[in-house]
Amino acid sequence: MSLDVTLLRPLWLLALPVLAGLAWWLWSQRQGLGDWQRAAEPGMIRAMAALGRVEAQAGRSGLWAGVAVLVIAVLALAGPAVERRDTPSFRNLDGVLFLVDASASVTEDARWPQMQALGRFGLASLGTRPGGIVVYGGDAYLATGMTLDHVQLGQTFSLIGPELVPDPGTRPERALALAVARLEEAEIIAGDVVLFTDGAGLGPESLRLAATLAEMGARLSVVGMGDDAAFGTHAQAGGGRVFGLDDADALAGWLGQDMAARLERQEYPLIFWSDMGRYLLLLAALPMLLMFRRQGA
């Protein structure tokens, strides 16, 4: 099995060329930083060498040991990391909720089968992201809780009809409020909410809830049946996009974005990666021992 390694702070690697230049300059000095051969008489240097007080190439081992310590430190600061084994347990942090208008004005429209097909296509693109479905009319109900069974979600979407919600009317704000509650309960911090609507019932309260979702770290997108200016205002407030019934590929691409990348942009990289830099620093102890080597009497 291959080991997937990434760097959490790769900019630290820019220090390596600087260290290489410093090491070359120090090595070019004949006797290291002190360069005692230029400051002392040759006879004295030979006498000191005979007594074992100096080495012919004094300071070279310490030089390379110091450089090695600095290189290891830079590599550790770059944050080499491996994916955590418990990463799959964090998948719920990036779930998707589909809010579907099940009122007669939508489900009895000739374009409803096209909207259903778009919804199923979006569900199939979730990958490892869990999904759920909320249906609404005059009230909102959780049709399917958060699950990784995307086949079941697609089947549920296919069964949505006007008889599914008994309450007359169209109250998208109820569905949005339920979405806010569900995301909070699941502790989702980077989720998506997709509203399937013909625009009925969208108003100030639903717009406020769209902004609430954005403040929570979620994105509200709108799959619109028809053309309504409210689609754009709600998507803008929710940090999402507007999709038409012909935008299957765009919706799939939007929902299929890599979860780890999104959470890392929100400063949650250590949820997925275990920083091994601290352990790499232990290797620096080996060359460091050379720097404290005592000379024999």
C-alpha atoms as a PDB file:
ATOM      1  CA  MET A   1       0.000   0.000   0.000  1.00  0.00           C
ATOM      2  CA  SER A   2       1.466   3.362  -1.001  1.00  0.00           C
ATOM      3  CA  LEU A   3       2.117   6.017   1.619  1.00  0.00           C
ATOM      4  CA  ASP A   4       0.380   9.281   0.834  1.00  0.00           C
ATOM      5  CA  VAL A   5       2.544  12.129   2.136  1.00  0.00           C
ATOM      6  CA  THR A   6       1.822  15.829   1.838  1.00  0.00           C
ATOM      7  CA  LEU A   7       3.428  19.005   3.149  1.00  0.00           C
ATOM      8  CA  LEU A   8       1.305  21.237   5.376  1.00  0.00           C
ATOM      9  CA  ARG A   9       3.730  24.192   5.225  1.00  0.00           C
ATOM     10  CA  PRO A  10       5.700  23.766   1.970  1.00  0.00           C
ATOM     11  CA  LEU A  11       7.012  27.352   1.892  1.00  0.00           C
ATOM     12  CA  TRP A  12       9.602  26.368   4.488  1.00  0.00           C
ATOM     13  CA  LEU A  13      11.377  24.433   1.726  1.00  0.00           C
ATOM     14  CA  LEU A  14      12.464  27.771   0.295  1.00  0.00           C
ATOM     15  CA  ALA A  15      15.027  27.867   3.106  1.00  0.00           C
ATOM     16  CA  LEU A  16      16.887  24.842   1.676  1.00  0.00           C
ATOM     17  CA  PRO A  17      18.651  26.768  -1.135  1.00  0.00           C
ATOM     18  CA  VAL A  18      19.763  29.315   1.447  1.00  0.00           C
ATOM     19  CA  LEU A  19      21.209  26.544   3.611  1.00  0.00           C
ATOM     20  CA  ALA A  20      22.932  25.029   0.579  1.00  0.00           C
ATOM     21  CA  GLY A  21      24.561  28.373  -0.197  1.00  0.00           C
ATOM     22  CA  LEU A  22      25.657  28.810   3.412  1.00  0.00           C
ATOM     23  CA  ALA A  23      27.112  25.288   3.531  1.00  0.00           C
ATOM     24  CA  TRP A  24      29.075  25.861   0.311  1.00  0.00           C
ATOM     25  CA  TRP A  25      30.500  29.132   1.626  1.00  0.00           C
ATOM     26  CA  LEU A  26      31.570  27.567   4.927  1.00  0.00           C
ATOM     27  CA  TRP A  27      33.106  24.568   3.159  1.00  0.00           C
ATOM     28  CA  SER A  28      35.095  26.901   0.910  1.00  0.00           C
ATOM     29  CA  GLN A  29      36.828  28.320   3.964  1.00  0.00           C
ATOM     30  CA  ARG A  30      39.898  26.144   4.424  1.00  0.00           C
ATOM     31  CA  GLN A  31      39.555  25.679   8.144  1.00  0.00           C
ATOM     32  CA  GLY A  32      35.974  26.635   8.917  1.00  0.00           C
ATOM     33  CA  LEU A  33      34.839  29.785  10.605  1.00  0.00           C
ATOM     34  CA  GLY A  34      37.971  30.275  12.716  1.00  0.00           C
ATOM     35  CA  ASP A  35      40.511  29.677   9.916  1.00  0.00           C
ATOM     36  CA  TRP A  36      43.306  29.586  12.483  1.00  0.00           C
ATOM     37  CA  GLN A  37      45.947  28.692   9.875  1.00  0.00           C
ATOM     38  CA  ARG A  38      45.759  32.235   8.537  1.00  0.00           C
ATOM     39  CA  ALA A  39      46.028  33.788  11.995  1.00  0.00           C
ATOM     40  CA  ALA A  40      48.712  31.582  13.607  1.00  0.00           C
ATOM     41  CA  GLU A  41      52.246  30.572  12.737  1.00  0.00           C
ATOM     42  CA  PRO A  42      52.466  27.308  10.742  1.00  0.00           C
ATOM     43  CA  GLY A  43      54.906  25.881  13.284  1.00  0.00           C
ATOM     44  CA  MET A  44      52.518  26.488  16.130  1.00  0.00           C
ATOM     45  CA  ILE A  45      49.694  24.808  14.207  1.00  0.00           C
ATOM     46  CA  ARG A  46      51.894  21.760  13.543  1.00  0.00           C
ATOM     47  CA  ALA A  47      52.874  21.585  17.197  1.00  0.00           C
ATOM     48  CA  MET A  48      49.262  21.815  18.331  1.00  0.00           C
ATOM     49  CA  ALA A  49      48.302  19.111  15.837  1.00  0.00           C
ATOM     50  CA  ALA A  50      51.089  16.873  17.163  1.00  0.00           C
ATOM     51  CA  LEU A  51      49.734  17.302  20.685  1.00  0.00           C
ATOM     52  CA  GLY A  52      46.240  16.405  19.441  1.00  0.00           C
ATOM     53  CA  ARG A  53      44.865  19.822  20.288  1.00  0.00           C
ATOM     54  CA  VAL A  54      43.739  20.656  16.759  1.00  0.00           C
ATOM     55  CA  GLU A  55      42.813  18.629  13.684  1.00  0.00           C
ATOM     56  CA  ALA A  56      44.162  19.086  10.220  1.00  0.00           C
ATOM     57  CA  GLN A  57      40.667  19.910   9.019  1.00  0.00           C
ATOM     58  CA  ALA A  58      39.326  21.444  12.203  1.00  0.00           C
ATOM     59  CA  GLY A  59      35.643  22.202  12.344  1.00  0.00           C
ATOM     60  CA  ARG A  60      34.584  20.252   9.242  1.00  0.00           C
ATOM     61  CA  SER A  61      32.640  17.517  11.059  1.00  0.00           C
ATOM     62  CA  GLY A  62      30.909  20.085  13.215  1.00  0.00           C
ATOM     63  CA  LEU A  63      30.072  22.130  10.148  1.00  0.00           C
ATOM     64  CA  TRP A  64      28.358  19.266   8.348  1.00  0.00           C
ATOM     65  CA  ALA A  65      26.607  18.175  11.511  1.00  0.00           C
ATOM     66  CA  GLY A  66      25.227  21.679  11.992  1.00  0.00           C
ATOM     67  CA  VAL A  67      24.052  21.862   8.391  1.00  0.00           C
ATOM     68  CA  ALA A  68      22.383  18.466   8.724  1.00  0.00           C
ATOM     69  CA  VAL A  69      20.555  19.621  11.857  1.00  0.00           C
ATOM     70  CA  LEU A  70      19.303  22.746  10.071  1.00  0.00           C
ATOM     71  CA  VAL A  71      18.149  20.777   7.017  1.00  0.00           C
ATOM     72  CA  ILE A  72      16.224  18.329   9.174  1.00  0.00           C
ATOM     73  CA  ALA A  73      14.672  21.232  11.092  1.00  0.00           C
ATOM     74  CA  VAL A  74      13.529  22.875   7.848  1.00  0.00           C
ATOM     75  CA  LEU A  75      12.001  19.625   6.613  1.00  0.00           C
ATOM     76  CA  ALA A  76      10.193  19.233   9.935  1.00  0.00           C
ATOM     77  CA  LEU A  77       8.871  22.794   9.763  1.00  0.00           C
ATOM     78  CA  ALA A  78       7.551  22.062   6.254  1.00  0.00           C
ATOM     79  CA  GLY A  79       5.075  19.730   7.947  1.00  0.00           C
ATOM     80  CA  PRO A  80       5.394  16.304   6.302  1.00  0.00           C
ATOM     81  CA  ALA A  81       2.067  14.645   7.038  1.00  0.00           C
ATOM     82  CA  VAL A  82       0.294  11.377   6.348  1.00  0.00           C
ATOM     83  CA  GLU A  83      -3.444  10.902   6.089  1.00  0.00           C
ATOM     84  CA  ARG A  84      -5.042   9.969   9.377  1.00  0.00           C
ATOM     85  CA  ARG A  85      -6.475   6.479   9.585  1.00  0.00           C
ATOM     86  CA  ASP A  86      -9.678   7.891  11.111  1.00  0.00           C
ATOM     87  CA  THR A  87     -10.242  10.320   8.225  1.00  0.00           C
ATOM     88  CA  PRO A  88     -13.414   8.472   7.075  1.00  0.00           C
ATOM     89  CA  SER A  89     -15.015   9.238  10.445  1.00  0.00           C
ATOM     90  CA  PHE A  90     -14.902  12.935   9.555  1.00  0.00           C
ATOM     91  CA  ARG A  91     -16.827  12.609   6.280  1.00  0.00           C
ATOM     92  CA  ASN A  92     -19.962  13.987   7.918  1.00  0.00           C
ATOM     93  CA  LEU A  93     -18.181  17.335   8.229  1.00  0.00           C
ATOM     94  CA  ASP A  94     -18.969  17.969   4.561  1.00  0.00           C
ATOM     95  CA  GLY A  95     -22.498  16.642   4.004  1.00  0.00           C
ATOM     96  CA  VAL A  96     -25.062  17.736   1.429  1.00  0.00           C
ATOM     97  CA  LEU A  97     -28.756  18.418   1.976  1.00  0.00           C
ATOM     98  CA  PHE A  98     -31.226  18.610  -0.907  1.00  0.00           C
ATOM     99  CA  LEU A  99     -34.265  20.742  -0.133  1.00  0.00           C
ATOM    100  CA  VAL A 100     -37.004  19.810  -2.587  1.00  0.00           C
ATOM    101  CA  ASP A 101     -40.233  21.721  -3.173  1.00  0.00           C
ATOM    102  CA  ALA A 102     -42.840  18.943  -3.288  1.00  0.00           C
ATOM    103  CA  SER A 103     -45.821  21.244  -3.764  1.00  0.00           C
ATOM    104  CA  ALA A 104     -48.108  20.732  -6.760  1.00  0.00           C
ATOM    105  CA  SER A 105     -46.765  23.811  -8.546  1.00  0.00           C
ATOM    106  CA  VAL A 106     -43.448  21.993  -8.950  1.00  0.00           C
ATOM    107  CA  THR A 107     -44.226  18.271  -8.995  1.00  0.00           C
ATOM    108  CA  GLU A 108     -47.114  18.605 -11.451  1.00  0.00           C
ATOM    109  CA  ASP A 109     -45.121  20.806 -13.803  1.00  0.00           C
ATOM    110  CA  ALA A 110     -44.045  19.254 -17.094  1.00  0.00           C
ATOM    111  CA  ARG A 111     -40.429  20.022 -16.198  1.00  0.00           C
ATOM    112  CA  TRP A 112     -40.529  18.074 -12.931  1.00  0.00           C
ATOM    113  CA  PRO A 113     -39.078  14.840 -14.434  1.00  0.00           C
ATOM    114  CA  GLN A 114     -36.137  16.890 -15.689  1.00  0.00           C
ATOM    115  CA  MET A 115     -35.612  18.359 -12.212  1.00  0.00           C
ATOM    116  CA  GLN A 116     -35.775  14.856 -10.710  1.00  0.00           C
ATOM    117  CA  ALA A 117     -33.173  13.611 -13.158  1.00  0.00           C
ATOM    118  CA  LEU A 118     -30.931  16.541 -12.267  1.00  0.00           C
ATOM    119  CA  GLY A 119     -31.325  15.768  -8.569  1.00  0.00           C
ATOM    120  CA  ARG A 120     -30.434  12.113  -9.009  1.00  0.00           C
ATOM    121  CA  PHE A 121     -27.422  13.090 -11.099  1.00  0.00           C
ATOM    122  CA  GLY A 122     -26.281  15.443  -8.348  1.00  0.00           C
ATOM    123  CA  LEU A 123     -26.683  12.729  -5.719  1.00  0.00           C
ATOM    124  CA  ALA A 124     -24.614  10.317  -7.793  1.00  0.00           C
ATOM    125  CA  SER A 125     -21.732  12.819  -7.830  1.00  0.00           C
ATOM    126  CA  LEU A 126     -21.348  13.085  -4.047  1.00  0.00           C
ATOM    127  CA  GLY A 127     -18.577  10.498  -3.839  1.00  0.00           C
ATOM    128  CA  THR A 128     -17.689  10.059  -0.163  1.00  0.00           C
ATOM    129  CA  ARG A 129     -19.925  12.905   0.991  1.00  0.00           C
ATOM    130  CA  PRO A 130     -23.069  11.906   2.911  1.00  0.00           C
ATOM    131  CA  GLY A 131     -26.357  13.319   1.682  1.00  0.00           C
ATOM    132  CA  GLY A 132     -29.879  13.860   2.915  1.00  0.00           C
ATOM    133  CA  ILE A 133     -33.227  15.032   1.525  1.00  0.00           C
ATOM    134  CA  VAL A 134     -35.715  17.492   2.976  1.00  0.00           C
ATOM    135  CA  VAL A 135     -39.108  17.902   1.294  1.00  0.00           C
ATOM    136  CA  TYR A 136     -41.338  20.859   1.861  1.00  0.00           C
ATOM    137  CA  GLY A 137     -44.637  22.387   0.966  1.00  0.00           C
ATOM    138  CA  GLY A 138     -46.607  24.220   3.616  1.00  0.00           C
ATOM    139  CA  ASP A 139     -44.176  22.655   6.109  1.00  0.00           C
ATOM    140  CA  ALA A 140     -40.831  20.872   5.894  1.00  0.00           C
ATOM    141  CA  TYR A 141     -39.975  17.254   6.666  1.00  0.00           C
ATOM    142  CA  LEU A 142     -36.799  15.208   6.723  1.00  0.00           C
ATOM    143  CA  ALA A 143     -37.339  12.549   4.060  1.00  0.00           C
ATOM    144  CA  THR A 144     -33.919  10.907   4.437  1.00  0.00           C
ATOM    145  CA  GLY A 145     -31.297  11.500   7.101  1.00  0.00           C
ATOM    146  CA  MET A 146     -27.614  11.923   6.313  1.00  0.00           C
ATOM    147  CA  THR A 147     -26.385   8.741   4.665  1.00  0.00           C
ATOM    148  CA  LEU A 148     -23.705   7.449   2.311  1.00  0.00           C
ATOM    149  CA  ASP A 149     -26.258   5.279   0.526  1.00  0.00           C
ATOM    150  CA  HIS A 150     -26.611   7.470  -2.539  1.00  0.00           C
ATOM    151  CA  VAL A 151     -28.657   4.824  -4.342  1.00  0.00           C
ATOM    152  CA  GLN A 152     -31.301   5.039  -1.637  1.00  0.00           C
ATOM    153  CA  LEU A 153     -31.234   8.826  -1.868  1.00  0.00           C
ATOM    154  CA  GLY A 154     -31.776   8.668  -5.613  1.00  0.00           C
ATOM    155  CA  GLN A 155     -34.727   6.317  -5.167  1.00  0.00           C
ATOM    156  CA  THR A 156     -36.234   8.632  -2.572  1.00  0.00           C
ATOM    157  CA  PHE A 157     -35.857  11.580  -4.928  1.00  0.00           C
ATOM    158  CA  SER A 158     -37.690   9.617  -7.619  1.00  0.00           C
ATOM    159  CA  LEU A 159     -40.647   9.041  -5.278  1.00  0.00           C
ATOM    160  CA  ILE A 160     -41.213  12.697  -4.395  1.00  0.00           C
ATOM    161  CA  GLY A 161     -44.669  13.843  -5.474  1.00  0.00           C
ATOM    162  CA  PRO A 162     -47.458  16.250  -4.468  1.00  0.00           C
ATOM    163  CA  GLU A 163     -48.993  13.684  -2.100  1.00  0.00           C
ATOM    164  CA  LEU A 164     -45.784  13.407  -0.052  1.00  0.00           C
ATOM    165  CA  VAL A 165     -46.297  16.645   1.904  1.00  0.00           C
ATOM    166  CA  PRO A 166     -49.826  16.991   3.349  1.00  0.00           C
ATOM    167  CA  ASP A 167     -49.568  20.693   4.201  1.00  0.00           C
ATOM    168  CA  PRO A 168     -50.786  23.072   1.489  1.00  0.00           C
ATOM    169  CA  GLY A 169     -48.684  26.054   0.485  1.00  0.00           C
ATOM    170  CA  THR A 170     -44.997  26.651  -0.236  1.00  0.00           C
ATOM    171  CA  ARG A 171     -42.730  27.587   2.673  1.00  0.00           C
ATOM    172  CA  PRO A 172     -39.083  27.294   1.649  1.00  0.00           C
ATOM    173  CA  GLU A 173     -38.034  29.104   4.818  1.00  0.00           C
ATOM    174  CA  ARG A 174     -39.271  26.095   6.802  1.00  0.00           C
ATOM    175  CA  ALA A 175     -36.984  23.830   4.784  1.00  0.00           C
ATOM    176  CA  LEU A 176     -34.038  26.183   5.227  1.00  0.00           C
ATOM    177  CA  ALA A 177     -34.628  26.373   8.983  1.00  0.00           C
ATOM    178  CA  LEU A 178     -34.689  22.566   9.119  1.00  0.00           C
ATOM    179  CA  ALA A 179     -31.444  22.471   7.130  1.00  0.00           C
ATOM    180  CA  VAL A 180     -29.787  24.838   9.597  1.00  0.00           C
ATOM    181  CA  ALA A 181     -30.884  22.600  12.482  1.00  0.00           C
ATOM    182  CA  ARG A 182     -29.721  19.397  10.782  1.00  0.00           C
ATOM    183  CA  LEU A 183     -26.305  20.811   9.911  1.00  0.00           C
ATOM    184  CA  GLU A 184     -25.849  21.983  13.488  1.00  0.00           C
ATOM    185  CA  GLU A 185     -26.844  18.579  14.868  1.00  0.00           C
ATOM    186  CA  ALA A 186     -24.461  16.754  12.544  1.00  0.00           C
ATOM    187  CA  GLU A 187     -21.712  19.306  13.318  1.00  0.00           C
ATOM    188  CA  ILE A 188     -21.186  19.849   9.592  1.00  0.00           C
ATOM    189  CA  ILE A 189     -18.791  22.737   9.030  1.00  0.00           C
ATOM    190  CA  ALA A 190     -18.355  22.782   5.255  1.00  0.00           C
ATOM    191  CA  GLY A 191     -21.554  21.387   3.815  1.00  0.00           C
ATOM    192  CA  ASP A 192     -23.755  22.154   0.840  1.00  0.00           C
ATOM    193  CA  VAL A 193     -27.475  22.872   0.745  1.00  0.00           C
ATOM    194  CA  VAL A 194     -29.202  22.688  -2.639  1.00  0.00           C
ATOM    195  CA  LEU A 195     -32.684  24.186  -2.936  1.00  0.00           C
ATOM    196  CA  PHE A 196     -34.909  22.779  -5.721  1.00  0.00           C
ATOM    197  CA  THR A 197     -37.619  25.345  -6.335  1.00  0.00           C
ATOM    198  CA  ASP A 198     -39.719  27.270  -8.817  1.00  0.00           C
ATOM    199  CA  GLY A 199     -39.254  30.433  -6.752  1.00  0.00           C
ATOM    200  CA  ALA A 200     -42.552  30.288  -4.891  1.00  0.00           C
ATOM    201  CA  GLY A 201     -42.321  31.472  -1.294  1.00  0.00           C
ATOM    202  CA  LEU A 202     -38.826  32.918  -1.517  1.00  0.00           C
ATOM    203  CA  GLY A 203     -38.638  36.139   0.451  1.00  0.00           C
ATOM    204  CA  PRO A 204     -36.879  38.037   3.250  1.00  0.00           C
ATOM    205  CA  GLU A 205     -37.012  35.169   5.767  1.00  0.00           C
ATOM    206  CA  SER A 206     -35.568  32.601   3.366  1.00  0.00           C
ATOM    207  CA  LEU A 207     -32.910  35.138   2.359  1.00  0.00           C
ATOM    208  CA  ARG A 208     -31.954  35.605   6.017  1.00  0.00           C
ATOM    209  CA  LEU A 209     -31.606  31.851   6.470  1.00  0.00           C
ATOM    210  CA  ALA A 210     -29.463  31.642   3.350  1.00  0.00           C
ATOM    211  CA  ALA A 211     -27.049  34.084   4.982  1.00  0.00           C
ATOM    212  CA  THR A 212     -27.170  32.025   8.191  1.00  0.00           C
ATOM    213  CA  LEU A 213     -26.057  28.939   6.286  1.00  0.00           C
ATOM    214  CA  ALA A 214     -23.140  30.857   4.808  1.00  0.00           C
ATOM    215  CA  GLU A 215     -22.099  32.029   8.281  1.00  0.00           C
ATOM    216  CA  MET A 216     -22.053  28.374   9.380  1.00  0.00           C
ATOM    217  CA  GLY A 217     -19.610  27.506   6.591  1.00  0.00           C
ATOM    218  CA  ALA A 218     -22.179  25.872   4.303  1.00  0.00           C
ATOM    219  CA  ARG A 219     -23.079  26.916   0.747  1.00  0.00           C
ATOM    220  CA  LEU A 220     -26.632  27.412  -0.440  1.00  0.00           C
ATOM    221  CA  SER A 221     -27.168  26.785  -4.144  1.00  0.00           C
ATOM    222  CA  VAL A 222     -30.423  26.951  -6.073  1.00  0.00           C
ATOM    223  CA  VAL A 223     -31.711  24.629  -8.784  1.00  0.00           C
ATOM    224  CA  GLY A 224     -34.365  26.781 -10.369  1.00  0.00           C
ATOM    225  CA  MET A 225     -37.354  25.804 -12.435  1.00  0.00           C
ATOM    226  CA  GLY A 226     -37.887  28.827 -14.612  1.00  0.00           C
ATOM    227  CA  ASP A 227     -36.263  32.232 -14.255  1.00  0.00           C
ATOM    228  CA  ASP A 228     -36.648  34.143 -10.993  1.00  0.00           C
ATOM    229  CA  ALA A 229     -34.460  36.970  -9.690  1.00  0.00           C
ATOM    230  CA  ALA A 230     -34.758  35.477  -6.192  1.00  0.00           C
ATOM    231  CA  PHE A 231     -32.619  32.531  -7.307  1.00  0.00           C
ATOM    232  CA  GLY A 232     -29.580  34.732  -7.723  1.00  0.00           C
ATOM    233  CA  THR A 233     -30.080  36.759  -4.532  1.00  0.00           C
ATOM    234  CA  HIS A 234     -30.436  33.617  -2.408  1.00  0.00           C
ATOM    235  CA  ALA A 235     -27.429  31.917  -3.982  1.00  0.00           C
ATOM    236  CA  GLN A 236     -25.353  35.044  -3.508  1.00  0.00           C
ATOM    237  CA  ALA A 237     -26.376  35.356   0.147  1.00  0.00           C
ATOM    238  CA  GLY A 238     -25.645  31.671   0.695  1.00  0.00           C
ATOM    239  CA  GLY A 239     -22.279  31.650  -1.062  1.00  0.00           C
ATOM    240  CA  GLY A 240     -23.471  29.182  -3.695  1.00  0.00           C
ATOM    241  CA  ARG A 241     -24.535  29.105  -7.330  1.00  0.00           C
ATOM    242  CA  VAL A 242     -27.672  28.983  -9.457  1.00  0.00           C
ATOM    243  CA  PHE A 243     -28.186  25.952 -11.685  1.00  0.00           C
ATOM    244  CA  GLY A 244     -30.735  25.506 -14.430  1.00  0.00           C
ATOM    245  CA  LEU A 245     -32.347  22.244 -15.408  1.00  0.00           C
ATOM    246  CA  ASP A 246     -29.743  21.748 -18.139  1.00  0.00           C
ATOM    247  CA  ASP A 247     -26.744  22.237 -15.835  1.00  0.00           C
ATOM    248  CA  ALA A 248     -26.221  18.630 -14.768  1.00  0.00           C
ATOM    249  CA  ASP A 249     -22.473  18.621 -15.334  1.00  0.00           C
ATOM    250  CA  ALA A 250     -22.006  21.947 -13.549  1.00  0.00           C
ATOM    251  CA  LEU A 251     -23.987  20.734 -10.541  1.00  0.00           C
ATOM    252  CA  ALA A 252     -22.032  17.473 -10.399  1.00  0.00           C
ATOM    253  CA  GLY A 253     -18.744  19.365 -10.532  1.00  0.00           C
ATOM    254  CA  TRP A 254     -19.888  21.742  -7.804  1.00  0.00           C
ATOM    255  CA  LEU A 255     -20.962  18.946  -5.449  1.00  0.00           C
ATOM    256  CA  GLY A 256     -18.008  16.722  -6.299  1.00  0.00           C
ATOM    257  CA  GLN A 257     -15.381  19.171  -5.073  1.00  0.00           C
ATOM    258  CA  ASP A 258     -12.769  17.610  -2.809  1.00  0.00           C
ATOM    259  CA  MET A 259     -13.824  17.807   0.818  1.00  0.00           C
ATOM    260  CA  ALA A 260     -10.322  17.930   2.245  1.00  0.00           C
ATOM    261  CA  ALA A 261      -9.379  20.893   0.064  1.00  0.00           C
ATOM    262  CA  ARG A 262     -12.473  22.826   1.176  1.00  0.00           C
ATOM    263  CA  LEU A 263     -11.861  22.150   4.858  1.00  0.00           C
ATOM    264  CA  GLU A 264      -8.187  22.993   4.558  1.00  0.00           C
ATOM    265  CA  ARG A 265      -9.161  26.380   3.142  1.00  0.00           C
ATOM    266  CA  GLN A 266     -11.200  26.813   6.323  1.00  0.00           C
ATOM    267  CA  GLU A 267      -8.110  26.019   8.465  1.00  0.00           C
ATOM    268  CA  TYR A 268      -8.977  22.426   9.307  1.00  0.00           C
ATOM    269  CA  PRO A 269      -6.044  20.576   7.672  1.00  0.00           C
ATOM    270  CA  LEU A 270      -5.127  18.529  10.767  1.00  0.00           C
ATOM    271  CA  ILE A 271      -8.548  16.895  10.647  1.00  0.00           C
ATOM    272  CA  PHE A 272      -7.248  14.836   7.733  1.00  0.00           C
ATOM    273  CA  TRP A 273      -3.471  14.832   8.156  1.00  0.00           C
ATOM    274  CA  SER A 274      -1.180  13.816  10.994  1.00  0.00           C
ATOM    275  CA  ASP A 275       1.836  16.146  11.191  1.00  0.00           C
ATOM    276  CA  MET A 276       5.008  14.010  11.378  1.00  0.00           C
ATOM    277  CA  GLY A 277       7.385  16.964  11.666  1.00  0.00           C
ATOM    278  CA  ARG A 278       7.854  16.553  15.406  1.00  0.00           C
ATOM    279  CA  TYR A 279       9.070  12.981  14.901  1.00  0.00           C
ATOM    280  CA  LEU A 280      11.399  14.033  12.125  1.00  0.00           C
ATOM    281  CA  LEU A 281      13.117  16.365  14.590  1.00  0.00           C
ATOM    282  CA  LEU A 282      14.257  13.296  16.538  1.00  0.00           C
ATOM    283  CA  LEU A 283      16.561  12.474  13.621  1.00  0.00           C
ATOM    284  CA  ALA A 284      18.352  15.769  14.238  1.00  0.00           C
ATOM    285  CA  ALA A 285      19.720  14.297  17.474  1.00  0.00           C
ATOM    286  CA  LEU A 286      22.063  12.026  15.507  1.00  0.00           C
ATOM    287  CA  PRO A 287      24.134  14.690  13.737  1.00  0.00           C
ATOM    288  CA  MET A 288      23.818  16.894  16.803  1.00  0.00           C
ATOM    289  CA  LEU A 289      25.842  14.348  18.792  1.00  0.00           C
ATOM    290  CA  LEU A 290      28.816  15.050  16.513  1.00  0.00           C
ATOM    291  CA  MET A 291      28.692  18.703  17.472  1.00  0.00           C
ATOM    292  CA  PHE A 292      29.341  17.799  21.129  1.00  0.00           C
ATOM    293  CA  ARG A 293      32.069  15.234  20.529  1.00  0.00           C
ATOM    294  CA  ARG A 294      34.962  15.718  22.957  1.00  0.00           C
ATOM    295  CA  GLN A 295      38.561  15.487  21.882  1.00  0.00           C
ATOM    296  CA  GLY A 296      40.795  12.944  23.532  1.00  0.00           C
ATOM    297  CA  ALA A 297      43.466  14.149  25.997  1.00  0.00           C
END
